[in-house]
Each structure stands twice: as C-alpha cells, then as structure tokens.
Amino acid sequence: MAKKQIVWIMTDTTGYNMVGCYGSKISTPNIDSMAENGLRFERAYTCQPVCGPARSALFTGLFPHSNGSWGNSMPLGADVKTLGQRLSEHGIVCGYIGKWHLDAGDYFGWGICPDGWEKKYWYDMKCYLDELTDKERLFSRDADSSSKNIPASFTYGYRVTERALAFIREHRDEDFFLVVSYDEPHGPSLCPEPYASMYDSCAGTNPAWDDDLSDKPDCLRIWAETTGEKDPSKRRGGISPRVAACNSYIDSQIGRVLECARKLAPASLRLFTSDHGDAAHSHGLSAKGPAIFDEIARVPLIFEGACVPENEIYRHVVSHIDLPATVLDYMGIPRPVMFEGESLMPQLADPGRPTNRPAHVEFGRYEIDHDGFGGFQPMRAVITDEYKLALHLLDGDEMYDTANDPYDLKNVVYDKEYAAARDALHDELIDWMNRTRDPFRGYQWQCRPWRKDKRPSWNVDGFTRQRENDPGEYRQLDYSTGLTMEEATRKKK
C-alpha cells in the first residue's frame, strides 16, 4: 500500500502579493514551481491576520475564538487537540520543525515539544537561540546584520531546512506529516548574500496606496496615523527591499526541501502557505491587524504532488480553516465533529468545483503582553467571491464590492443598492458566530446602525450551544436536567 505523506511548508508574513506566481516582482522560483506542478488557490484567506491566532486555526481546525489562542502569547485550550495529536493517535509520525507560537510563551516559545510531535525534530525559535551565545542572539535580532555578509548557516531558516531534510530521509518509507515552519521573511529579515543586496526597491504600483481612508472605520485611520501615513501623498509603497530579499532567500531554502521531498517522497502531498500578509503601506497601514484588505489577509496557498493536477488555478474564495480537515481526509482519518472547516480534497481533484463556502476572518487582540496595534479590536468578517463584509464591534463597519473594487477603496456598507447583499452576508456572519459558539457573540453584532430590522435582546436568540462530540468521547450534560444532552443546540429553558 502506498504511503501517505504530507510535507507542509509555511512562512511568516508572506502575503499573496509577495510570490511570483501571484504576480509579484519578488523572485520566488521554487514556490512558483509548485504552482507549475500543481494547484494554486487564487483567493485564500487567513482566519486571523496575526501570527499565533493564524497558526492556532491551521493546526487545530478551530477558529481562534474557539481554540482559545485569539491573540499572540495566548495558549490553546486544554481540550483542544493539534493535528500532531490527531495523526499520531493513528500511528502517523509527525514532525514540527520551526516557528510554533502556540505555547503561550513569548515570541520564541518555550523550546518544549508538545504532545503528538517527534521530540527528536522539535526546533522552535527558543531551541535556535539556545544554540547561540548572547552576542550571537543580539546579532540574530538586528535587522542590519544582513549587511554584514552573514553565512546562510547562521540563519534560522537554514537550520530549520537541515532538520527537515533529515526528517524526510529518516521517514521516507513511513506514513508521515511534516511541518516546515519558517520565521522568515518576518523581521528582522536576516539573509545572506547574494539575496541581501538583491533589491533596491519593490515599490511597483498599488491603487490602495492612494486610499485616504475617509469612508473607513476610525480604527483604521488611527492605525494609519500611528505610521504617519494618513496623508496618501506622504506614503511610500511596497514591500521593503530587506523583506523582499529575505523572502527570496527563504524561497531558496524551500527549494531544498522540495528537491528532497520530490526525490525521496515523490508521491507525497506537498503544500505551501503563510500565516498572513503585510500591509506594506497600502491604505496607509503597516504590518497586520484588524483588517480584511488583501495585502493583509490574503495568503498564498499551493498544493503539488499526490493526486493534485498540474498547472491549475482554483479561482474561488477558500479559508485556511479547511486545511486541517484536508490533511485528515488525505490521510484517511474521519473529520472530527468539532472541526469548523471542511476538506478541500474535492477541489484538489476538480479545481473547477466550488466549495460554496465563504471565508471568515476575525480579530480579537494582536498580543497579550503589550498593547500593540490598538489593544482589543474585535472584528468578525465574511468574504465571498463577490463581496467582503467586516464588522468592527467597537467601531464602524466595512463592505466592499470586490468584483468591481478589487483594492477595497470604496466602503459601500451604507449604500442602498448593496443593502440586500449586505444583510444576507450579515445574517451569514451571525449564523457562523452561532455555529462556532463564538464566546464574543451578542446582540451588539446584530444591531448595527445600518441594520434597521434588528433590535437588542438580552437573550440574543435564546439558544444554548454546547460542544458536539465524536463517538466515544464525553458528551456534555444538560444544565436543566443534569442528564446527557440530547441536542447540542437547543432553546434554553
């Protein structure tokens, strides 16, 4: 019987617009080769454009608001299983090499391998720092270090790659799930020559640089003021040369992993994605945060190998939340009842087949340990092939006609001609919050200034929503009777 093997490669802060096959001027020939050999998802979206929460969804199958890690340095819930745990329970060897960001530690992690993953190959950023002297640690966090002609072997990306190659060689004849998780091109974006001096500018053109934010929520204008770029005439656009250089460098490391996997595990399923993008001064914003603009929330997603057709493009919206279910489906493991995404295996087999599912993007808090990016900024959003709708609970809301306004320049949330489509999206968004038992749900999300048919209710919709369970797992008890619940969703007595 053929072995089931998956090589999951991801970077940090590589937006869709930083990859050559998506139209970028940044050189990424190895990632591009995956698109030539496989299937490129044209419009994939992160579940939350922040490092930790984005990863929490990718490796649990639950949205950040469901798994507990809805801000950086916030741990997964004690009852939440990762893909490593679910797959290792079925005898599949699981390796996670690289940035984790889900153990409630600081940026670097604890250096401790979580349950379900091979301890031999565990290598988070704390493990890397433990290999360095204090002087080397300082050097590794200095953005100017790239100008000092550092050797590739000093970089985190190189050392992650070396371990990934060793894992594939050791487990080439077994079922395995390998995650290769680079921190690069995230700052400080260190890289060696010739990459370090590869770019003088990556500006290009982007109409979003001219957005004056006049019809946007206050939180976005305040965010732009923080960067000093509320005035479009003062903006400099584009990915910085330093980040672009590191992005091309890490593509070279991805190429090493792909070469090994294609040779030693040719029947493996291989995928590439990233946790989120970077505003890079579009709409006057920096980095990432509570926004649904494509530069921030849209990510590359490419599959190759195994059953994947070559040189195909899937043009509909998809969500990161579907990747865990896809992994289990490929491995022949039933989808857990509590998963909040569905398998993309039907789309891998037939790229013309729509999922008929929107993508949902949320935001809660950037991180727990300081008040970067506005502190608590609750956002819930829905994205379809035609529209985007984002609710900012403590602020104004946004809607964009992406078919006619691909750069999200005109906020049409109050436009009467979009009222029917807006209200339908709003209803779907509220239903999603209910389906996923969003702990932040409440009448405030329903009673928006532009939704005149909604009225506040202390009971909201009056339902109790307990967690469903898989066969053999503990089934929760009904508060009113103390007996095993019959229906997880029911009117509260």
Protein backbone atom coordinates (compact mmCIF):
# COMPACT_ATOMS: atom_id res chain seq x y z
CA MET A 1 0.00 0.00 0.00
CA ALA A 2 1.29 3.46 -0.92
CA LYS A 3 2.49 5.57 1.96
CA LYS A 4 0.54 8.66 2.99
CA GLN A 5 2.99 11.50 3.37
CA ILE A 6 2.47 15.25 3.68
CA VAL A 7 5.09 18.00 3.61
CA TRP A 8 3.51 21.24 4.83
CA ILE A 9 5.77 24.26 4.21
CA MET A 10 4.92 27.69 5.56
CA THR A 11 6.50 31.08 6.09
CA ASP A 12 5.66 34.04 8.29
CA THR A 13 4.39 37.28 6.73
CA THR A 14 4.36 36.23 3.08
CA GLY A 15 1.26 37.76 1.55
CA TYR A 16 -0.08 36.50 -1.74
CA ASN A 17 1.46 39.58 -3.38
CA MET A 18 4.98 38.53 -2.35
CA VAL A 19 5.03 35.39 -4.54
CA GLY A 20 5.97 35.43 -8.19
CA CYS A 21 3.19 33.17 -9.46
CA TYR A 22 0.65 35.58 -7.93
CA GLY A 23 2.10 38.46 -9.92
CA SER A 24 4.79 39.72 -7.56
CA LYS A 25 8.08 41.19 -8.76
CA ILE A 26 9.82 39.42 -5.87
CA SER A 27 11.71 36.36 -7.09
CA THR A 28 10.30 33.08 -5.69
CA PRO A 29 11.15 30.45 -8.34
CA ASN A 30 10.81 27.46 -6.02
CA ILE A 31 7.38 28.35 -4.73
CA ASP A 32 6.41 29.19 -8.31
CA SER A 33 7.47 25.72 -9.39
CA MET A 34 4.84 24.28 -7.06
CA ALA A 35 2.17 26.21 -8.96
CA GLU A 36 3.55 24.89 -12.25
CA ASN A 37 3.50 21.35 -10.89
CA GLY A 38 0.23 21.64 -9.03
CA LEU A 39 -2.78 23.70 -7.99
CA ARG A 40 -2.69 27.36 -6.95
CA PHE A 41 -5.56 28.75 -4.89
CA GLU A 42 -6.05 32.28 -6.18
CA ARG A 43 -8.04 33.68 -3.22
CA ALA A 44 -7.14 32.01 0.07
CA TYR A 45 -7.61 33.86 3.35
CA THR A 46 -6.14 33.52 6.83
CA CYS A 47 -8.50 33.04 9.77
CA GLN A 48 -6.87 35.90 11.67
CA PRO A 49 -4.04 38.09 10.37
CA VAL A 50 -1.79 37.66 13.40
CA CYS A 51 0.96 35.03 13.76
CA GLY A 52 -0.25 32.96 16.71
CA PRO A 53 -4.01 33.01 16.09
CA ALA A 54 -3.49 32.23 12.40
CA ARG A 55 -1.45 29.17 13.33
CA SER A 56 -3.91 28.12 16.01
CA ALA A 57 -6.58 27.64 13.32
CA LEU A 58 -4.18 25.96 10.91
CA PHE A 59 -3.15 23.27 13.37
CA THR A 60 -6.39 22.66 15.30
CA GLY A 61 -9.20 23.01 12.76
CA LEU A 62 -10.89 25.52 15.09
CA PHE A 63 -11.11 29.28 14.69
CA PRO A 64 -9.06 31.31 17.18
CA HIS A 65 -12.17 32.29 19.11
CA SER A 66 -12.93 28.58 19.52
CA ASN A 67 -9.48 27.23 20.38
CA GLY A 68 -8.50 29.89 22.94
CA SER A 69 -5.49 31.34 21.15
CA TRP A 70 -7.09 34.53 19.80
CA GLY A 71 -4.04 36.70 20.48
CA ASN A 72 -0.30 36.14 20.45
CA SER A 73 1.08 34.59 23.66
CA MET A 74 -2.29 33.03 24.46
CA PRO A 75 -2.34 29.22 24.82
CA LEU A 76 -4.59 26.72 23.13
CA GLY A 77 -7.43 25.43 25.30
CA ALA A 78 -6.68 22.35 27.40
CA ASP A 79 -9.34 20.37 25.50
CA VAL A 80 -8.03 21.34 22.04
CA LYS A 81 -6.06 18.79 20.02
CA THR A 82 -3.49 19.68 17.38
CA LEU A 83 -3.01 17.86 14.10
CA GLY A 84 0.07 16.23 15.59
CA GLN A 85 -2.02 14.65 18.34
CA ARG A 86 -4.79 13.54 15.99
CA LEU A 87 -2.43 11.99 13.45
CA SER A 88 -0.02 10.37 15.91
CA GLU A 89 -3.01 8.62 17.51
CA HIS A 90 -3.34 6.78 14.17
CA GLY A 91 0.31 5.76 14.05
CA ILE A 92 1.46 8.55 11.74
CA VAL A 93 4.83 10.04 12.64
CA CYS A 94 4.58 13.82 12.97
CA GLY A 95 7.40 16.32 12.81
CA TYR A 96 7.09 20.04 13.50
CA ILE A 97 10.25 21.94 12.68
CA GLY A 98 10.23 25.71 13.06
CA LYS A 99 8.16 28.51 14.50
CA TRP A 100 5.25 27.32 16.67
CA HIS A 101 3.92 30.34 18.57
CA LEU A 102 1.10 28.41 20.30
CA ASP A 103 2.51 27.59 23.73
CA ALA A 104 1.73 30.94 25.48
CA GLY A 105 5.41 31.71 25.67
CA ASP A 106 6.94 34.85 24.24
CA TYR A 107 7.74 35.26 20.57
CA PHE A 108 10.29 32.45 20.61
CA GLY A 109 8.39 29.79 22.58
CA TRP A 110 9.45 27.53 25.44
CA GLY A 111 11.66 25.13 23.49
CA ILE A 112 9.46 22.25 24.70
CA CYS A 113 7.94 19.77 22.24
CA PRO A 114 4.14 19.50 22.59
CA ASP A 115 2.33 16.18 22.67
CA GLY A 116 1.93 14.48 19.30
CA TRP A 117 5.14 15.67 17.67
CA GLU A 118 8.54 13.94 17.43
CA LYS A 119 10.80 15.35 20.15
CA LYS A 120 13.87 14.49 18.10
CA TYR A 121 12.94 17.07 15.47
CA TRP A 122 11.26 19.76 17.56
CA TYR A 123 13.02 23.05 16.83
CA ASP A 124 11.15 26.21 17.76
CA MET A 125 12.90 29.58 17.94
CA LYS A 126 13.87 29.09 21.58
CA CYS A 127 15.81 25.99 20.51
CA TYR A 128 17.63 28.12 17.95
CA LEU A 129 18.50 30.85 20.46
CA ASP A 130 19.79 28.20 22.88
CA GLU A 131 22.43 27.36 20.27
CA LEU A 132 23.72 30.96 20.21
CA THR A 133 25.91 33.00 22.50
CA ASP A 134 24.46 36.21 23.94
CA LYS A 135 26.40 38.17 21.33
CA GLU A 136 25.04 35.98 18.55
CA ARG A 137 21.50 36.37 19.89
CA LEU A 138 21.78 40.14 19.65
CA PHE A 139 23.20 39.78 16.15
CA SER A 140 20.31 37.48 15.15
CA ARG A 141 17.72 40.11 16.16
CA ASP A 142 19.41 43.06 14.45
CA ALA A 143 17.90 43.99 11.09
CA ASP A 144 21.25 45.46 9.99
CA SER A 145 23.02 42.11 10.32
CA SER A 146 22.22 41.20 6.71
CA SER A 147 24.61 43.95 5.60
CA LYS A 148 27.46 42.13 7.31
CA ASN A 149 27.54 39.21 4.88
CA ILE A 150 26.29 36.57 7.30
CA PRO A 151 26.68 32.91 6.35
CA ALA A 152 23.48 31.08 5.42
CA SER A 153 24.23 28.51 8.12
CA PHE A 154 23.70 31.18 10.79
CA THR A 155 20.08 31.80 9.83
CA TYR A 156 17.10 30.13 11.45
CA GLY A 157 15.73 29.20 8.05
CA TYR A 158 18.83 27.25 7.10
CA ARG A 159 18.82 25.27 10.34
CA VAL A 160 15.12 24.50 10.00
CA THR A 161 15.78 23.23 6.49
CA GLU A 162 18.62 20.96 7.60
CA ARG A 163 16.34 19.26 10.13
CA ALA A 164 13.54 18.95 7.58
CA LEU A 165 15.86 17.15 5.16
CA ALA A 166 16.93 14.78 7.92
CA PHE A 167 13.30 14.03 8.82
CA ILE A 168 12.38 13.17 5.23
CA ARG A 169 15.43 10.93 4.86
CA GLU A 170 14.66 9.06 8.08
CA HIS A 171 10.93 8.61 7.48
CA ARG A 172 10.82 8.27 3.69
CA ASP A 173 9.39 4.73 3.97
CA GLU A 174 6.70 5.60 6.55
CA ASP A 175 3.44 7.49 6.72
CA PHE A 176 4.36 10.96 7.96
CA PHE A 177 3.18 14.51 8.43
CA LEU A 178 5.96 17.08 8.37
CA VAL A 179 5.51 20.79 9.04
CA VAL A 180 8.40 23.04 7.99
CA SER A 181 7.61 26.40 9.58
CA TYR A 182 9.98 29.25 8.75
CA ASP A 183 10.04 32.51 10.70
CA GLU A 184 11.40 34.29 7.64
CA PRO A 185 10.72 36.72 6.00
CA HIS A 186 9.28 38.14 9.24
CA GLY A 187 11.53 40.81 10.76
CA PRO A 188 14.36 41.20 11.40
CA SER A 189 14.50 39.50 7.97
CA LEU A 190 18.12 38.33 8.08
CA CYS A 191 19.55 36.75 4.97
CA PRO A 192 22.94 36.15 3.34
CA GLU A 193 24.29 37.34 0.01
CA PRO A 194 23.50 37.39 -2.83
CA TYR A 195 19.97 37.86 -1.51
CA ALA A 196 20.75 40.66 0.96
CA SER A 197 21.57 43.10 -1.81
CA MET A 198 19.16 41.76 -4.42
CA TYR A 199 16.62 44.61 -4.31
CA ASP A 200 16.87 48.38 -4.35
CA SER A 201 13.11 48.83 -4.50
CA CYS A 202 10.00 46.68 -4.76
CA ALA A 203 7.50 49.51 -4.92
CA GLY A 204 5.56 48.75 -8.10
CA THR A 205 2.07 50.29 -8.15
CA ASN A 206 -0.99 49.74 -5.99
CA PRO A 207 -4.11 51.95 -6.05
CA ALA A 208 -4.62 51.15 -2.37
CA TRP A 209 -1.69 53.46 -1.58
CA ASP A 210 -3.95 56.37 -2.56
CA ASP A 211 -6.78 55.46 -0.17
CA ASP A 212 -7.47 58.49 2.03
CA LEU A 213 -9.48 56.32 4.46
CA SER A 214 -12.28 58.90 4.56
CA ASP A 215 -15.00 56.23 4.45
CA LYS A 216 -13.19 53.70 6.62
CA PRO A 217 -13.71 52.91 10.34
CA ASP A 218 -11.92 55.15 12.83
CA CYS A 219 -9.66 52.33 13.96
CA LEU A 220 -8.05 52.15 10.52
CA ARG A 221 -7.45 55.90 10.42
CA ILE A 222 -5.90 55.79 13.91
CA TRP A 223 -3.74 52.88 12.77
CA ALA A 224 -2.60 54.92 9.76
CA GLU A 225 -1.82 57.91 12.00
CA THR A 226 0.49 55.67 14.01
CA THR A 227 2.58 55.06 10.89
CA GLY A 228 2.48 58.74 9.96
CA GLU A 229 0.83 57.92 6.66
CA LYS A 230 -2.76 59.12 6.92
CA ASP A 231 -1.93 61.50 4.06
CA PRO A 232 -1.59 59.46 0.83
CA SER A 233 0.91 61.93 -0.61
CA LYS A 234 3.40 61.06 2.14
CA ARG A 235 3.25 57.29 1.71
CA ARG A 236 5.99 55.11 0.34
CA GLY A 237 4.57 51.96 -1.11
CA GLY A 238 5.57 48.38 -1.34
CA ILE A 239 7.40 45.59 0.44
CA SER A 240 10.73 46.84 1.76
CA PRO A 241 13.91 45.68 -0.04
CA ARG A 242 15.04 43.98 3.18
CA VAL A 243 11.87 41.89 3.49
CA ALA A 244 11.86 41.13 -0.23
CA ALA A 245 15.45 39.91 -0.02
CA CYS A 246 14.66 37.63 2.90
CA ASN A 247 11.58 36.36 1.07
CA SER A 248 13.71 35.34 -1.91
CA TYR A 249 16.27 33.78 0.41
CA ILE A 250 13.73 31.63 2.21
CA ASP A 251 12.36 30.57 -1.18
CA SER A 252 15.81 29.07 -1.81
CA GLN A 253 15.52 27.07 1.41
CA ILE A 254 12.04 25.92 0.41
CA GLY A 255 13.63 24.75 -2.82
CA ARG A 256 15.97 22.49 -0.87
CA VAL A 257 13.03 20.90 0.97
CA LEU A 258 11.06 20.45 -2.25
CA GLU A 259 14.01 18.85 -4.03
CA CYS A 260 14.42 16.33 -1.23
CA ALA A 261 10.70 15.59 -0.94
CA ARG A 262 10.25 15.21 -4.68
CA LYS A 263 13.14 12.77 -4.80
CA LEU A 264 12.65 10.72 -1.63
CA ALA A 265 8.89 11.05 -1.16
CA PRO A 266 7.66 11.63 -4.73
CA ALA A 267 4.09 10.51 -4.00
CA SER A 268 3.78 12.90 -1.05
CA LEU A 269 1.25 15.71 -0.90
CA ARG A 270 3.15 18.98 -0.62
CA LEU A 271 1.67 22.36 0.20
CA PHE A 272 2.85 25.90 0.76
CA THR A 273 1.14 28.75 2.59
CA SER A 274 1.83 31.58 5.04
CA ASP A 275 0.10 32.82 8.16
CA HIS A 276 -0.79 36.30 6.85
CA GLY A 277 0.49 39.16 4.73
CA ASP A 278 1.84 42.66 5.32
CA ALA A 279 0.02 45.92 4.59
CA ALA A 280 3.27 47.44 3.30
CA HIS A 281 1.69 50.92 3.40
CA SER A 282 -1.40 50.07 1.36
CA HIS A 283 -4.30 52.07 2.81
CA GLY A 284 -1.60 53.82 4.84
CA LEU A 285 -1.23 50.84 7.16
CA SER A 286 1.75 48.85 8.42
CA ALA A 287 2.21 45.16 9.25
CA LYS A 288 -1.05 43.32 10.06
CA GLY A 289 -4.06 43.69 12.32
CA PRO A 290 -7.88 44.08 12.31
CA ALA A 291 -8.38 44.43 8.56
CA ILE A 292 -9.62 42.38 5.60
CA PHE A 293 -7.58 44.10 2.90
CA ASP A 294 -5.96 41.55 0.61
CA GLU A 295 -2.44 42.75 1.36
CA ILE A 296 -3.00 41.70 5.00
CA ALA A 297 -5.50 38.83 4.99
CA ARG A 298 -4.98 37.07 1.65
CA VAL A 299 -2.30 34.40 1.59
CA PRO A 300 -0.64 32.11 -0.95
CA LEU A 301 -1.87 28.51 -0.95
CA ILE A 302 -0.39 25.97 -3.35
CA PHE A 303 -0.55 22.16 -3.48
CA GLU A 304 1.53 19.76 -5.55
CA GLY A 305 2.18 16.02 -5.74
CA ALA A 306 -0.03 13.04 -4.88
CA CYS A 307 -3.44 13.44 -6.56
CA VAL A 308 -3.06 17.13 -7.46
CA PRO A 309 -3.45 18.15 -11.14
CA GLU A 310 -0.65 20.17 -12.69
CA ASN A 311 -0.66 23.86 -13.54
CA GLU A 312 -4.23 24.52 -12.42
CA ILE A 313 -5.79 27.51 -10.65
CA TYR A 314 -8.70 27.47 -8.22
CA ARG A 315 -10.35 30.87 -8.51
CA HIS A 316 -12.92 30.84 -5.71
CA VAL A 317 -12.51 32.05 -2.14
CA VAL A 318 -11.21 29.49 0.36
CA SER A 319 -10.21 29.63 4.01
CA HIS A 320 -7.24 28.35 6.00
CA ILE A 321 -9.76 26.69 8.32
CA ASP A 322 -10.21 23.97 5.69
CA LEU A 323 -6.59 22.80 5.74
CA PRO A 324 -6.74 20.59 8.88
CA ALA A 325 -9.78 18.72 7.55
CA THR A 326 -7.96 18.34 4.22
CA VAL A 327 -4.94 16.79 5.94
CA LEU A 328 -7.07 14.26 7.83
CA ASP A 329 -9.11 13.44 4.74
CA TYR A 330 -5.98 12.77 2.71
CA MET A 331 -4.68 10.53 5.49
CA GLY A 332 -7.98 8.61 5.56
CA ILE A 333 -8.95 9.80 9.05
CA PRO A 334 -12.57 10.87 9.70
CA ARG A 335 -13.17 14.58 10.19
CA PRO A 336 -13.78 15.33 13.90
CA VAL A 337 -17.27 16.63 14.64
CA MET A 338 -15.95 19.82 16.24
CA PHE A 339 -13.84 20.84 13.23
CA GLU A 340 -15.04 24.15 11.84
CA GLY A 341 -13.72 23.64 8.32
CA GLU A 342 -14.26 21.10 5.55
CA SER A 343 -11.88 19.12 3.38
CA LEU A 344 -10.56 20.61 0.15
CA MET A 345 -9.85 17.18 -1.32
CA PRO A 346 -12.80 17.53 -3.76
CA GLN A 347 -11.25 20.77 -5.04
CA LEU A 348 -7.81 19.17 -5.32
CA ALA A 349 -9.38 16.53 -7.54
CA ASP A 350 -11.50 19.02 -9.51
CA PRO A 351 -10.29 22.65 -9.44
CA GLY A 352 -13.48 23.74 -11.19
CA ARG A 353 -15.63 22.63 -8.29
CA PRO A 354 -16.59 25.49 -5.92
CA THR A 355 -16.83 24.84 -2.19
CA ASN A 356 -19.86 27.14 -1.94
CA ARG A 357 -18.41 28.28 1.38
CA PRO A 358 -17.27 31.81 2.26
CA ALA A 359 -14.10 32.59 4.16
CA HIS A 360 -14.34 34.06 7.66
CA VAL A 361 -11.70 36.35 9.11
CA GLU A 362 -11.66 37.50 12.72
CA PHE A 363 -9.61 39.66 15.04
CA GLY A 364 -9.53 39.90 18.82
CA ARG A 365 -6.22 41.14 20.05
CA TYR A 366 -2.78 41.39 18.49
CA GLU A 367 -1.00 40.07 21.55
CA ILE A 368 -1.43 39.73 25.28
CA ASP A 369 1.89 41.06 26.53
CA HIS A 370 1.65 44.66 25.29
CA ASP A 371 -0.81 46.99 23.64
CA GLY A 372 0.45 46.93 20.08
CA PHE A 373 -2.00 47.55 17.24
CA GLY A 374 -4.77 49.08 19.29
CA GLY A 375 -5.26 46.52 22.00
CA PHE A 376 -8.71 44.91 21.91
CA GLN A 377 -10.16 45.39 18.42
CA PRO A 378 -12.93 42.81 17.95
CA MET A 379 -13.69 42.15 14.28
CA ARG A 380 -15.69 39.46 12.51
CA ALA A 381 -15.75 39.31 8.70
CA VAL A 382 -17.07 37.23 5.84
CA ILE A 383 -15.56 37.10 2.34
CA THR A 384 -17.22 35.65 -0.75
CA ASP A 385 -16.28 35.64 -4.41
CA GLU A 386 -18.18 38.93 -4.83
CA TYR A 387 -18.07 40.80 -1.52
CA LYS A 388 -16.36 41.47 1.79
CA LEU A 389 -18.22 42.48 4.96
CA ALA A 390 -16.35 43.31 8.17
CA LEU A 391 -17.97 44.24 11.48
CA HIS A 392 -15.83 46.17 13.97
CA LEU A 393 -17.76 45.74 17.21
CA LEU A 394 -16.43 48.93 18.83
CA ASP A 395 -16.28 50.97 15.62
CA GLY A 396 -17.77 51.35 12.15
CA ASP A 397 -18.15 48.59 9.60
CA GLU A 398 -16.95 47.90 6.05
CA MET A 399 -18.34 46.34 2.89
CA TYR A 400 -16.58 46.09 -0.46
CA ASP A 401 -17.70 45.01 -3.90
CA THR A 402 -14.54 43.09 -4.73
CA ALA A 403 -15.70 42.16 -8.21
CA ASN A 404 -15.71 45.85 -9.17
CA ASP A 405 -13.38 47.25 -6.49
CA PRO A 406 -10.51 44.76 -6.05
CA TYR A 407 -8.45 47.17 -3.94
CA ASP A 408 -11.20 47.82 -1.36
CA LEU A 409 -11.25 51.55 -1.96
CA LYS A 410 -14.96 52.31 -1.60
CA ASN A 411 -16.82 51.30 1.56
CA VAL A 412 -20.41 50.58 0.45
CA VAL A 413 -21.83 49.40 3.78
CA TYR A 414 -24.37 52.28 3.77
CA ASP A 415 -25.15 52.20 0.04
CA LYS A 416 -28.80 51.28 -0.57
CA GLU A 417 -28.03 49.34 -3.74
CA TYR A 418 -25.98 46.88 -1.68
CA ALA A 419 -28.44 46.58 1.21
CA ALA A 420 -29.85 43.19 0.24
CA ALA A 421 -26.43 41.62 -0.34
CA ARG A 422 -25.07 43.26 2.83
CA ASP A 423 -27.91 41.97 5.02
CA ALA A 424 -27.55 38.45 3.60
CA LEU A 425 -23.83 38.50 4.42
CA HIS A 426 -24.60 39.89 7.86
CA ASP A 427 -27.07 37.07 8.53
CA GLU A 428 -24.49 34.51 7.42
CA LEU A 429 -21.87 36.09 9.67
CA ILE A 430 -24.13 35.94 12.72
CA ASP A 431 -25.02 32.35 11.89
CA TRP A 432 -21.30 31.48 11.67
CA MET A 433 -20.69 33.03 15.08
CA ASN A 434 -23.53 30.90 16.45
CA ARG A 435 -22.38 27.71 14.70
CA THR A 436 -18.89 28.08 16.11
CA ARG A 437 -20.12 29.10 19.60
CA ASP A 438 -18.13 32.32 19.37
CA PRO A 439 -17.71 33.40 23.02
CA PHE A 440 -17.84 37.05 21.95
CA ARG A 441 -21.25 36.78 20.24
CA GLY A 442 -24.05 39.02 21.42
CA TYR A 443 -26.78 41.34 20.19
CA GLN A 444 -24.24 44.10 19.54
CA TRP A 445 -23.03 42.25 16.44
CA GLN A 446 -26.61 42.07 15.15
CA CYS A 447 -27.73 45.63 15.90
CA ARG A 448 -25.55 47.67 13.59
CA PRO A 449 -26.50 51.24 12.59
CA TRP A 450 -27.25 50.18 9.03
CA ARG A 451 -29.44 47.20 10.04
CA LYS A 452 -32.78 48.75 10.99
CA ASP A 453 -34.72 45.48 11.34
CA LYS A 454 -32.67 44.25 14.31
CA ARG A 455 -33.49 45.10 17.93
CA PRO A 456 -31.41 44.47 21.07
CA SER A 457 -32.35 41.42 23.12
CA TRP A 458 -30.70 40.36 26.37
CA ASN A 459 -31.27 36.73 25.38
CA VAL A 460 -29.89 37.38 21.88
CA ASP A 461 -31.51 34.39 20.12
CA GLY A 462 -32.19 32.38 23.29
CA PHE A 463 -30.26 29.25 22.36
CA THR A 464 -27.85 27.10 24.35
CA ARG A 465 -24.93 25.91 22.24
CA GLN A 466 -22.80 23.18 23.77
CA ARG A 467 -19.95 21.39 22.06
CA GLU A 468 -20.75 18.34 19.95
CA ASN A 469 -18.54 15.29 20.40
CA ASP A 470 -17.23 12.39 18.39
CA PRO A 471 -18.41 8.84 19.20
CA GLY A 472 -16.76 7.55 22.35
CA GLU A 473 -15.95 11.00 23.69
CA TYR A 474 -17.57 12.56 26.74
CA ARG A 475 -20.95 14.10 25.98
CA GLN A 476 -21.77 17.21 27.95
CA LEU A 477 -24.63 17.34 30.41
CA ASP A 478 -27.75 19.47 30.19
CA TYR A 479 -27.77 22.27 32.80
CA SER A 480 -31.54 21.97 33.32
CA THR A 481 -31.62 18.20 33.93
CA GLY A 482 -28.11 17.03 34.78
CA LEU A 483 -28.63 14.34 32.13
CA THR A 484 -26.66 13.80 28.95
CA MET A 485 -27.72 16.43 26.44
CA GLU A 486 -29.79 15.21 23.52
CA GLU A 487 -29.21 18.17 21.20
CA ALA A 488 -26.14 20.38 21.40
CA THR A 489 -28.07 23.40 20.11
CA ARG A 490 -31.45 23.98 21.73
CA LYS A 491 -33.66 26.66 23.21
CA LYS A 492 -32.53 27.46 26.75
CA LYS A 493 -35.15 26.57 29.36
